[in-house]
Protein backbone atom coordinates (compact mmCIF):
# COMPACT_ATOMS: atom_id res chain seq x y z
CA MET A 1 102.49 120.17 96.23
CA LYS A 2 105.50 117.59 96.73
CA ALA A 3 106.53 115.46 94.24
CA TYR A 4 107.09 111.77 95.55
CA ALA A 5 109.32 109.16 93.51
CA VAL A 6 107.22 106.09 93.72
CA LEU A 7 108.34 102.11 92.43
CA TYR A 8 106.12 99.59 91.30
CA GLU A 9 106.67 95.70 91.38
CA ARG A 10 104.98 93.44 89.33
CA GLY A 11 104.15 90.79 91.21
CA ASP A 12 102.56 86.73 90.09
CA ARG A 13 99.30 88.07 91.03
CA ASN A 14 100.03 91.37 91.75
CA TRP A 15 101.65 94.71 92.19
CA SER A 16 103.00 96.63 94.67
CA ALA A 17 104.21 100.11 95.19
CA TYR A 18 106.58 101.94 98.13
CA VAL A 19 107.80 105.78 98.35
CA PRO A 20 111.31 105.25 99.74
CA ASP A 21 111.22 108.65 100.88
CA LEU A 22 108.11 107.95 103.14
CA PRO A 23 108.96 104.34 105.07
CA GLY A 24 106.23 102.24 105.81
CA CYS A 25 104.21 103.92 102.79
CA VAL A 26 103.74 101.18 100.79
CA ALA A 27 100.25 99.72 98.57
CA THR A 28 98.66 96.72 96.75
CA GLY A 29 96.79 96.67 93.78
CA LYS A 30 95.93 93.15 91.47
CA THR A 31 96.56 95.57 88.78
CA ARG A 32 98.89 98.71 87.79
CA GLU A 33 96.22 101.18 88.00
CA GLU A 34 94.70 99.77 91.33
CA VAL A 35 97.98 100.15 92.46
CA GLU A 36 98.78 103.51 91.51
CA GLN A 37 95.87 105.11 93.25
CA ARG A 38 95.97 103.47 96.11
CA ILE A 39 99.57 104.93 97.08
CA ARG A 40 98.20 108.08 96.01
CA GLU A 41 95.93 107.59 98.89
CA ALA A 42 98.40 106.06 101.30
CA ILE A 43 100.89 109.01 100.45
CA ALA A 44 98.10 111.54 101.64
CA PHE A 45 97.15 109.29 104.52
CA HIS A 46 100.86 109.21 105.67
CA ILE A 47 101.06 112.34 105.27
CA GLU A 48 98.48 113.45 107.78
CA GLY A 49 99.16 111.07 110.03
CA LEU A 50 102.70 112.90 110.82
CA VAL A 51 101.12 116.18 110.58
CA MET A 52 98.34 115.00 113.13
CA ASP A 53 101.81 113.52 115.47
CA GLY A 54 103.73 116.45 115.23
CA GLU A 55 106.41 114.57 113.05
CA PRO A 56 108.81 116.68 110.11
CA VAL A 57 107.23 115.81 106.74
CA PRO A 58 110.28 114.36 104.58
CA GLU A 59 111.10 116.18 102.01
CA PRO A 60 111.16 114.36 98.43
CA THR A 61 115.23 113.73 97.14
CA VAL A 62 114.96 109.93 95.64
CA GLU A 63 114.84 110.26 92.26
CA ALA A 64 114.52 107.40 89.96
CA GLY A 65 113.99 106.48 86.21
CA THR A 66 115.33 104.05 83.41
CA ILE A 67 118.30 102.70 81.76
CA SER A 68 118.71 100.74 78.52
CA VAL A 69 121.23 97.64 78.41
CA PRO A 70 121.53 95.75 75.29
CA ALA A 71 120.11 92.44 76.32
């Protein structure tokens, strides 16, 4: 099993997510929970397409974290 970093962004009326290690793998949803489920499905679909096309599946390389700073 591979673990890919997912970046989430909150918009005015929805959420979006993308996977830096899988260019073009994106999802949107009305809530964070919805976009989490959709990006999970998008990752599986994206990898399935790469395999079907005989393309290599990129290894996860991106790591994400948060840093707290004084406001």
